C-alpha atoms as a PDB file:
ATOM      1  CA  VAL A   1    -113.368   7.362 -79.097  1.00  0.00           C
ATOM      2  CA  VAL A   2    -110.030   6.231 -77.659  1.00  0.00           C
ATOM      3  CA  ASP A   3    -107.478   3.463 -77.959  1.00  0.00           C
ATOM      4  CA  PHE A   4    -105.513   1.607 -75.305  1.00  0.00           C
ATOM      5  CA  GLY A   5    -102.328   3.526 -76.111  1.00  0.00           C
ATOM      6  CA  GLN A   6    -103.710   6.991 -75.393  1.00  0.00           C
ATOM      7  CA  PRO A   7    -102.277   8.709 -72.278  1.00  0.00           C
ATOM      8  CA  ASN A   8    -105.754   9.763 -71.088  1.00  0.00           C
ATOM      9  CA  TYR A   9    -107.420   6.410 -71.808  1.00  0.00           C
ATOM     10  CA  MET A  10    -107.921   5.534 -68.121  1.00  0.00           C
ATOM     11  CA  LYS A  11    -109.389   8.950 -67.290  1.00  0.00           C
ATOM     12  CA  VAL A  12    -111.797   8.872 -70.230  1.00  0.00           C
ATOM     13  CA  MET A  13    -112.962   5.382 -69.277  1.00  0.00           C
ATOM     14  CA  GLU A  14    -113.585   6.411 -65.659  1.00  0.00           C
ATOM     15  CA  THR A  15    -115.649   9.389 -66.814  1.00  0.00           C
ATOM     16  CA  CYS A  16    -117.762   7.243 -69.139  1.00  0.00           C
ATOM     17  CA  LEU A  17    -118.311   4.595 -66.470  1.00  0.00           C
ATOM     18  CA  SER A  18    -119.615   7.134 -63.963  1.00  0.00           C
ATOM     19  CA  THR A  19    -121.660   9.313 -66.354  1.00  0.00           C
ATOM     20  CA  GLY A  20    -123.144   6.561 -68.519  1.00  0.00           C
ATOM     21  CA  LYS A  21    -121.643   7.783 -71.770  1.00  0.00           C
ATOM     22  CA  PRO A  22    -120.767   5.153 -74.406  1.00  0.00           C
ATOM     23  CA  ILE A  23    -117.102   4.662 -75.270  1.00  0.00           C
ATOM     24  CA  ILE A  24    -115.476   3.202 -78.375  1.00  0.00           C
ATOM     25  CA  ILE A  25    -112.015   1.681 -78.065  1.00  0.00           C
ATOM     26  CA  GLN A  26    -110.548   1.402 -81.553  1.00  0.00           C
ATOM     27  CA  ASN A  27    -107.626  -0.472 -83.095  1.00  0.00           C
ATOM     28  CA  VAL A  28    -108.039  -3.399 -80.701  1.00  0.00           C
ATOM     29  CA  GLY A  29    -105.720  -6.369 -81.252  1.00  0.00           C
ATOM     30  CA  GLU A  30    -106.375 -10.047 -80.634  1.00  0.00           C
ATOM     31  CA  VAL A  31    -105.211  -9.718 -77.011  1.00  0.00           C
ATOM     32  CA  LEU A  32    -107.323  -7.289 -74.990  1.00  0.00           C
ATOM     33  CA  ASP A  33    -105.907  -4.931 -72.404  1.00  0.00           C
ATOM     34  CA  PRO A  34    -106.387  -6.514 -68.946  1.00  0.00           C
ATOM     35  CA  SER A  35    -107.671  -3.202 -67.567  1.00  0.00           C
ATOM     36  CA  ILE A  36    -111.127  -3.837 -69.064  1.00  0.00           C
ATOM     37  CA  ALA A  37    -111.445  -7.353 -67.628  1.00  0.00           C
ATOM     38  CA  PRO A  38    -113.738  -6.245 -64.731  1.00  0.00           C
ATOM     39  CA  ILE A  39    -115.955  -4.422 -67.234  1.00  0.00           C
ATOM     40  CA  LEU A  40    -116.253  -7.431 -69.546  1.00  0.00           C
ATOM     41  CA  GLU A  41    -116.964  -9.647 -66.551  1.00  0.00           C
ATOM     42  CA  LYS A  42    -119.558  -7.130 -65.322  1.00  0.00           C
ATOM     43  CA  ALA A  43    -118.027  -7.262 -61.853  1.00  0.00           C
ATOM     44  CA  ILE A  44    -120.430  -4.628 -60.557  1.00  0.00           C
ATOM     45  CA  VAL A  45    -120.942  -4.245 -56.807  1.00  0.00           C
ATOM     46  CA  THR A  46    -123.994  -2.598 -55.229  1.00  0.00           C
ATOM     47  CA  ILE A  47    -123.307  -0.473 -52.166  1.00  0.00           C
ATOM     48  CA  GLY A  48    -126.520   0.922 -50.758  1.00  0.00           C
ATOM     49  CA  THR A  49    -128.283   2.525 -53.702  1.00  0.00           C
ATOM     50  CA  SER A  50    -125.105   3.006 -55.731  1.00  0.00           C
ATOM     51  CA  LYS A  51    -123.263   0.706 -58.101  1.00  0.00           C
ATOM     52  CA  VAL A  52    -119.484   0.613 -58.359  1.00  0.00           C
ATOM     53  CA  ILE A  53    -116.924  -1.335 -60.350  1.00  0.00           C
ATOM     54  CA  LYS A  54    -113.204  -1.834 -59.909  1.00  0.00           C
ATOM     55  CA  PHE A  55    -111.188  -0.071 -62.583  1.00  0.00           C
ATOM     56  CA  ASN A  56    -107.621   1.208 -62.586  1.00  0.00           C
ATOM     57  CA  ASP A  57    -107.074  -0.284 -59.095  1.00  0.00           C
ATOM     58  CA  LYS A  58    -109.909   1.693 -57.528  1.00  0.00           C
ATOM     59  CA  MET A  59    -113.675   1.562 -57.171  1.00  0.00           C
ATOM     60  CA  VAL A  60    -115.438   3.744 -59.732  1.00  0.00           C
ATOM     61  CA  SER A  61    -119.109   4.725 -59.800  1.00  0.00           C
ATOM     62  CA  TYR A  62    -120.991   2.706 -62.418  1.00  0.00           C
ATOM     63  CA  HIS A  63    -123.884   4.123 -64.466  1.00  0.00           C
ATOM     64  CA  ASN A  64    -126.476   1.756 -65.964  1.00  0.00           C
ATOM     65  CA  ASP A  65    -126.399   3.553 -69.332  1.00  0.00           C
ATOM     66  CA  PHE A  66    -122.700   2.825 -69.866  1.00  0.00           C
ATOM     67  CA  HIS A  67    -121.836   0.923 -73.058  1.00  0.00           C
ATOM     68  CA  LEU A  68    -118.459  -0.320 -74.260  1.00  0.00           C
ATOM     69  CA  TYR A  69    -117.649  -0.890 -77.936  1.00  0.00           C
ATOM     70  CA  LEU A  70    -114.421  -2.449 -79.193  1.00  0.00           C
ATOM     71  CA  THR A  71    -113.403  -2.159 -82.849  1.00  0.00           C
ATOM     72  CA  THR A  72    -110.544  -3.706 -84.778  1.00  0.00           C
ATOM     73  CA  LYS A  73    -109.029  -3.232 -88.219  1.00  0.00           C
ATOM     74  CA  LEU A  74    -107.885  -6.844 -88.337  1.00  0.00           C
ATOM     75  CA  GLY A  75    -109.364  -8.641 -91.326  1.00  0.00           C
ATOM     76  CA  ASN A  76    -109.843 -11.989 -89.614  1.00  0.00           C
ATOM     77  CA  PRO A  77    -109.170 -11.636 -85.874  1.00  0.00           C
ATOM     78  CA  VAL A  78    -109.015 -14.693 -83.628  1.00  0.00           C
ATOM     79  CA  TYR A  79    -110.179 -14.219 -80.047  1.00  0.00           C
ATOM     80  CA  THR A  80    -110.125 -16.671 -77.178  1.00  0.00           C
ATOM     81  CA  PRO A  81    -113.343 -18.479 -76.229  1.00  0.00           C
ATOM     82  CA  GLU A  82    -113.207 -16.608 -72.910  1.00  0.00           C
ATOM     83  CA  THR A  83    -113.325 -13.259 -74.710  1.00  0.00           C
ATOM     84  CA  LEU A  84    -116.113 -14.388 -77.037  1.00  0.00           C
ATOM     85  CA  THR A  85    -118.327 -15.458 -74.128  1.00  0.00           C
ATOM     86  CA  LYS A  86    -118.008 -12.016 -72.527  1.00  0.00           C
ATOM     87  CA  THR A  87    -118.684  -9.983 -75.662  1.00  0.00           C
ATOM     88  CA  THR A  88    -121.017  -9.861 -78.641  1.00  0.00           C
ATOM     89  CA  MET A  89    -119.083  -9.974 -81.899  1.00  0.00           C
ATOM     90  CA  VAL A  90    -120.459  -8.184 -84.950  1.00  0.00           C
ATOM     91  CA  ASN A  91    -118.666  -8.813 -88.244  1.00  0.00           C
ATOM     92  CA  PHE A  92    -118.949  -5.821 -90.584  1.00  0.00           C
ATOM     93  CA  ALA A  93    -116.653  -7.342 -93.188  1.00  0.00           C
ATOM     94  CA  VAL A  94    -117.952  -7.339 -96.755  1.00  0.00           C
ATOM     95  CA  LYS A  95    -119.067 -10.776 -97.965  1.00  0.00           C
ATOM     96  CA  GLU A  96    -119.040 -11.782-101.624  1.00  0.00           C
ATOM     97  CA  GLN A  97    -122.731 -12.628-101.822  1.00  0.00           C
ATOM     98  CA  GLY A  98    -123.768  -9.372-100.149  1.00  0.00           C
ATOM     99  CA  LEU A  99    -121.470  -7.293-102.343  1.00  0.00           C
ATOM    100  CA  THR A 100    -122.738  -9.021-105.498  1.00  0.00           C
ATOM    101  CA  SER A 101    -126.308  -8.142-104.535  1.00  0.00           C
ATOM    102  CA  GLN A 102    -125.323  -4.537-103.823  1.00  0.00           C
ATOM    103  CA  LEU A 103    -123.468  -4.164-107.122  1.00  0.00           C
ATOM    104  CA  LEU A 104    -126.387  -5.738-108.997  1.00  0.00           C
ATOM    105  CA  GLY A 105    -128.689  -3.078-107.579  1.00  0.00           C
ATOM    106  CA  ILE A 106    -126.258  -0.356-108.672  1.00  0.00           C
ATOM    107  CA  VAL A 107    -125.856  -1.558-112.254  1.00  0.00           C
ATOM    108  CA  VAL A 108    -129.601  -2.152-112.758  1.00  0.00           C
ATOM    109  CA  ARG A 109    -130.406   1.257-111.273  1.00  0.00           C
ATOM    110  CA  LYS A 110    -127.964   2.799-113.763  1.00  0.00           C
ATOM    111  CA  GLU A 111    -128.971   0.754-116.805  1.00  0.00           C
ATOM    112  CA  ARG A 112    -132.692   0.328-116.167  1.00  0.00           C
ATOM    113  CA  PRO A 113    -133.750   2.804-113.463  1.00  0.00           C
ATOM    114  CA  GLN A 114    -137.487   2.151-113.870  1.00  0.00           C
ATOM    115  CA  LEU A 115    -136.980  -1.568-113.274  1.00  0.00           C
ATOM    116  CA  GLU A 116    -135.044  -0.998-110.065  1.00  0.00           C
ATOM    117  CA  GLN A 117    -137.588   1.569-108.887  1.00  0.00           C
ATOM    118  CA  MET A 118    -140.364  -0.969-109.434  1.00  0.00           C
ATOM    119  CA  LYS A 119    -138.333  -3.493-107.438  1.00  0.00           C
ATOM    120  CA  ASP A 120    -137.931  -1.074-104.524  1.00  0.00           C
ATOM    121  CA  THR A 121    -141.637  -0.172-104.580  1.00  0.00           C
ATOM    122  CA  LEU A 122    -142.682  -3.825-104.629  1.00  0.00           C
ATOM    123  CA  VAL A 123    -140.437  -4.706-101.696  1.00  0.00           C
ATOM    124  CA  LEU A 124    -142.059  -1.925 -99.639  1.00  0.00           C
ATOM    125  CA  SER A 125    -145.544  -2.971-100.774  1.00  0.00           C
ATOM    126  CA  ILE A 126    -144.996  -6.621 -99.837  1.00  0.00           C
ATOM    127  CA  ALA A 127    -143.611  -5.642 -96.430  1.00  0.00           C
ATOM    128  CA  HIS A 128    -146.596  -3.322 -95.836  1.00  0.00           C
ATOM    129  CA  ASN A 129    -149.148  -5.978 -96.792  1.00  0.00           C
ATOM    130  CA  LYS A 130    -147.527  -8.543 -94.522  1.00  0.00           C
ATOM    131  CA  LYS A 131    -147.670  -6.032 -91.671  1.00  0.00           C
ATOM    132  CA  VAL A 132    -151.380  -5.437 -92.358  1.00  0.00           C
ATOM    133  CA  LEU A 133    -152.055  -9.170 -91.956  1.00  0.00           C
ATOM    134  CA  VAL A 134    -150.171  -9.248 -88.655  1.00  0.00           C
ATOM    135  CA  ASP A 135    -152.032  -6.146 -87.403  1.00  0.00           C
ATOM    136  CA  LEU A 136    -155.397  -7.698 -88.280  1.00  0.00           C
ATOM    137  CA  GLU A 137    -154.549 -10.825 -86.329  1.00  0.00           C
ATOM    138  CA  ASN A 138    -153.342  -8.781 -83.362  1.00  0.00           C
ATOM    139  CA  ASP A 139    -156.560  -6.715 -83.341  1.00  0.00           C
ATOM    140  CA  LEU A 140    -158.678  -9.854 -83.207  1.00  0.00           C
ATOM    141  CA  LEU A 141    -156.618 -11.316 -80.387  1.00  0.00           C
ATOM    142  CA  ARG A 142    -156.807  -8.033 -78.461  1.00  0.00           C
ATOM    143  CA  ILE A 143    -160.598  -7.821 -78.742  1.00  0.00           C
ATOM    144  CA  MET A 144    -160.968 -11.463 -77.699  1.00  0.00           C
ATOM    145  CA  TYR A 145    -158.682 -10.913 -74.718  1.00  0.00           C
ATOM    146  CA  GLU A 146    -160.412  -7.694 -73.596  1.00  0.00           C
ATOM    147  CA  SER A 147    -163.956  -8.952 -74.182  1.00  0.00           C
ATOM    148  CA  GLN A 148    -166.204  -8.581 -71.133  1.00  0.00           C
ATOM    149  CA  VAL A 149    -169.066 -10.585 -72.668  1.00  0.00           C
ATOM    150  CA  PRO A 150    -169.264 -14.046 -74.248  1.00  0.00           C
ATOM    151  CA  LEU A 151    -167.462 -14.059 -77.589  1.00  0.00           C
ATOM    152  CA  LEU A 152    -170.604 -15.031 -79.529  1.00  0.00           C
ATOM    153  CA  GLU A 153    -172.373 -11.946 -78.130  1.00  0.00           C
ATOM    154  CA  ASN A 154    -169.500  -9.532 -78.776  1.00  0.00           C
ATOM    155  CA  GLU A 155    -170.698  -7.249 -81.582  1.00  0.00           C
ATOM    156  CA  GLU A 156    -167.327  -5.478 -81.937  1.00  0.00           C
ATOM    157  CA  LEU A 157    -165.617  -8.823 -82.421  1.00  0.00           C
ATOM    158  CA  PHE A 158    -168.178  -9.869 -85.043  1.00  0.00           C
ATOM    159  CA  ILE A 159    -167.753  -6.632 -87.049  1.00  0.00           C
ATOM    160  CA  THR A 160    -163.954  -6.745 -86.755  1.00  0.00           C
ATOM    161  CA  LEU A 161    -163.932 -10.382 -87.858  1.00  0.00           C
ATOM    162  CA  GLN A 162    -165.978  -9.601 -90.979  1.00  0.00           C
ATOM    163  CA  THR A 163    -163.780  -6.619 -91.835  1.00  0.00           C
ATOM    164  CA  SER A 164    -160.638  -8.637 -91.215  1.00  0.00           C
ATOM    165  CA  GLN A 165    -161.779 -11.432 -93.502  1.00  0.00           C
ATOM    166  CA  ARG A 166    -162.468  -9.022 -96.376  1.00  0.00           C
ATOM    167  CA  THR A 167    -159.234  -7.109 -95.859  1.00  0.00           C
ATOM    168  CA  SER A 168    -157.248 -10.306 -95.443  1.00  0.00           C
ATOM    169  CA  LEU A 169    -158.493 -11.681 -98.776  1.00  0.00           C
ATOM    170  CA  GLU A 170    -157.675  -8.411-100.551  1.00  0.00           C
ATOM    171  CA  VAL A 171    -154.209  -8.254 -99.001  1.00  0.00           C
ATOM    172  CA  LYS A 172    -153.443 -11.897 -99.820  1.00  0.00           C
ATOM    173  CA  GLU A 173    -154.474 -11.352-103.447  1.00  0.00           C
ATOM    174  CA  ALA A 174    -152.278  -8.238-103.587  1.00  0.00           C
ATOM    175  CA  LEU A 175    -149.399 -10.217-102.105  1.00  0.00           C
ATOM    176  CA  ILE A 176    -149.732 -12.954-104.728  1.00  0.00           C
ATOM    177  CA  THR A 177    -149.779 -10.361-107.531  1.00  0.00           C
ATOM    178  CA  SER A 178    -146.800  -8.510-106.047  1.00  0.00           C
ATOM    179  CA  GLN A 179    -144.770 -11.676-105.626  1.00  0.00           C
ATOM    180  CA  VAL A 180    -145.442 -12.743-109.233  1.00  0.00           C
ATOM    181  CA  THR A 181    -144.397  -9.293-110.458  1.00  0.00           C
ATOM    182  CA  GLU A 182    -141.318  -9.410-108.237  1.00  0.00           C
ATOM    183  CA  LYS A 183    -140.251 -12.702-109.825  1.00  0.00           C
ATOM    184  CA  GLU A 184    -140.656 -11.171-113.293  1.00  0.00           C
ATOM    185  CA  ILE A 185    -138.512  -8.196-112.260  1.00  0.00           C
ATOM    186  CA  ASP A 186    -135.893 -10.485-110.713  1.00  0.00           C
ATOM    187  CA  THR A 187    -135.755 -12.438-113.975  1.00  0.00           C
ATOM    188  CA  ALA A 188    -135.093  -9.210-115.886  1.00  0.00           C
ATOM    189  CA  ARG A 189    -132.467  -8.119-113.340  1.00  0.00           C
ATOM    190  CA  ALA A 190    -130.757 -11.497-113.611  1.00  0.00           C
ATOM    191  CA  GLY A 191    -129.396 -10.481-117.010  1.00  0.00           C
ATOM    192  CA  TYR A 192    -126.959  -8.164-115.229  1.00  0.00           C
ATOM    193  CA  VAL A 193    -125.784 -10.743-112.674  1.00  0.00           C
ATOM    194  CA  PRO A 194    -122.572 -11.533-114.656  1.00  0.00           C
ATOM    195  CA  VAL A 195    -121.528  -7.877-114.283  1.00  0.00           C
ATOM    196  CA  ALA A 196    -122.141  -7.888-110.534  1.00  0.00           C
ATOM    197  CA  VAL A 197    -120.322 -11.206-110.082  1.00  0.00           C
ATOM    198  CA  ARG A 198    -117.270 -10.052-112.076  1.00  0.00           C
ATOM    199  CA  ALA A 199    -117.122  -6.748-110.186  1.00  0.00           C
ATOM    200  CA  SER A 200    -117.415  -8.549-106.840  1.00  0.00           C
ATOM    201  CA  VAL A 201    -114.594 -10.963-107.728  1.00  0.00           C
ATOM    202  CA  LEU A 202    -112.376  -8.049-108.772  1.00  0.00           C
ATOM    203  CA  PHE A 203    -113.004  -6.235-105.484  1.00  0.00           C
ATOM    204  CA  PHE A 204    -111.938  -9.227-103.417  1.00  0.00           C
ATOM    205  CA  ALA A 205    -108.892  -9.693-105.644  1.00  0.00           C
ATOM    206  CA  LEU A 206    -107.910  -6.106-104.820  1.00  0.00           C
ATOM    207  CA  ASN A 207    -108.713  -6.666-101.170  1.00  0.00           C
ATOM    208  CA  ASP A 208    -106.374  -9.668-100.991  1.00  0.00           C
ATOM    209  CA  LEU A 209    -103.429  -7.524-102.118  1.00  0.00           C
ATOM    210  CA  SER A 210    -103.158  -6.266 -98.535  1.00  0.00           C
ATOM    211  CA  ARG A 211    -101.811  -9.714 -97.636  1.00  0.00           C
ATOM    212  CA  ILE A 212     -98.816  -8.976 -99.850  1.00  0.00           C
ATOM    213  CA  ASP A 213     -98.261  -5.469 -98.524  1.00  0.00           C
ATOM    214  CA  PRO A 214    -100.424  -3.474 -96.046  1.00  0.00           C
ATOM    215  CA  MET A 215    -100.006  -0.442 -98.325  1.00  0.00           C
ATOM    216  CA  TYR A 216    -102.495  -1.988-100.752  1.00  0.00           C
ATOM    217  CA  GLN A 217    -105.708  -0.846 -99.103  1.00  0.00           C
ATOM    218  CA  PHE A 218    -108.868  -0.143-101.111  1.00  0.00           C
ATOM    219  CA  SER A 219    -112.083   1.207 -99.609  1.00  0.00           C
ATOM    220  CA  LEU A 220    -115.450  -0.119-100.740  1.00  0.00           C
ATOM    221  CA  ASP A 221    -116.722   3.427-101.384  1.00  0.00           C
ATOM    222  CA  ALA A 222    -113.833   4.153-103.750  1.00  0.00           C
ATOM    223  CA  TYR A 223    -114.406   0.851-105.535  1.00  0.00           C
ATOM    224  CA  ILE A 224    -118.115   1.551-106.006  1.00  0.00           C
ATOM    225  CA  ASP A 225    -117.222   4.952-107.491  1.00  0.00           C
ATOM    226  CA  LEU A 226    -114.926   3.155-109.951  1.00  0.00           C
ATOM    227  CA  PHE A 227    -117.678   0.661-110.770  1.00  0.00           C
ATOM    228  CA  MET A 228    -120.154   3.465-111.488  1.00  0.00           C
ATOM    229  CA  TYR A 229    -117.519   5.182-113.641  1.00  0.00           C
ATOM    230  CA  SER A 230    -117.175   1.965-115.649  1.00  0.00           C
ATOM    231  CA  ILE A 231    -120.933   1.770-116.150  1.00  0.00           C
ATOM    232  CA  ASP A 232    -121.064   5.365-117.403  1.00  0.00           C
ATOM    233  CA  ARG A 233    -118.008   5.206-119.667  1.00  0.00           C
ATOM    234  CA  SER A 234    -118.156   1.689-121.113  1.00  0.00           C
ATOM    235  CA  PRO A 235    -119.425   1.355-124.730  1.00  0.00           C
ATOM    236  CA  LYS A 236    -123.192   0.982-125.112  1.00  0.00           C
ATOM    237  CA  ALA A 237    -124.724  -1.839-127.166  1.00  0.00           C
ATOM    238  CA  GLY A 238    -128.092  -2.791-128.589  1.00  0.00           C
ATOM    239  CA  GLU A 239    -128.006  -6.361-127.296  1.00  0.00           C
ATOM    240  CA  LEU A 240    -127.803  -7.109-123.571  1.00  0.00           C
ATOM    241  CA  GLU A 241    -125.121  -9.765-124.053  1.00  0.00           C
ATOM    242  CA  ASP A 242    -122.883  -7.297-125.907  1.00  0.00           C
ATOM    243  CA  ARG A 243    -123.494  -4.647-123.248  1.00  0.00           C
ATOM    244  CA  ILE A 244    -122.527  -7.111-120.500  1.00  0.00           C
ATOM    245  CA  ASN A 245    -119.303  -7.992-122.326  1.00  0.00           C
ATOM    246  CA  ASN A 246    -118.461  -4.306-122.800  1.00  0.00           C
ATOM    247  CA  LEU A 247    -119.104  -3.574-119.130  1.00  0.00           C
ATOM    248  CA  ASN A 248    -116.995  -6.470-117.899  1.00  0.00           C
ATOM    249  CA  GLU A 249    -114.116  -5.702-120.242  1.00  0.00           C
ATOM    250  CA  PHE A 250    -114.070  -1.983-119.442  1.00  0.00           C
ATOM    251  CA  HIS A 251    -114.316  -2.454-115.667  1.00  0.00           C
ATOM    252  CA  THR A 252    -111.650  -5.166-115.607  1.00  0.00           C
ATOM    253  CA  TYR A 253    -109.292  -2.831-117.461  1.00  0.00           C
ATOM    254  CA  ALA A 254    -110.226   0.067-115.132  1.00  0.00           C
ATOM    255  CA  VAL A 255    -109.404  -2.024-112.060  1.00  0.00           C
ATOM    256  CA  TYR A 256    -106.021  -3.180-113.333  1.00  0.00           C
END
């Protein structure tokens, strides 16, 4: 892990290029250092059985396992189209919808752990059953492809087809049941959506404070800890609506 300003940056890059080790260049700005231009352009030259690339005004041995990663702390960086065509951009920024879903899972797991456990189990069950259907189809296609006799005379295919039909019906019925149950669970979880939405809005309000002064930085992990603290310490209530109001009021006060 290096950055462009390090004194040994060039040496580390040369070593990684020739040995095939991955390198992460952090704290990248919107304008990239021109030294990595040949790497981004993949200007690799083959000489005999070896591959070389020009870097730091000299030809350096190039290993096929080499990988370059660039990271930035900029909240909304703007790069030129030329840079975007030479790289693959992955945005790890937190989005409101994703955070709301994550916070919903946290509050339901705290308030109604059995419900959230059922949700997790159902998701795995549905994924497994869908995979079973795909595997059955693949087995049939494989046997048909590998068959050395006419399909109507292939006993293995006939047995597999019968088994697949029975299993497929059972799996489809299980899928229907699971999906109905999942909808019922989602309906129950929906009661806590107002808490997740409020908490998500508050996080992004905190996050926007960095536009006023860079000193105002808040990590997601620290915020989630605060959210869980609010769930634990806020007043309990017999009615869900009252509990939601207590949670929102307590957490809003805790944030401010």
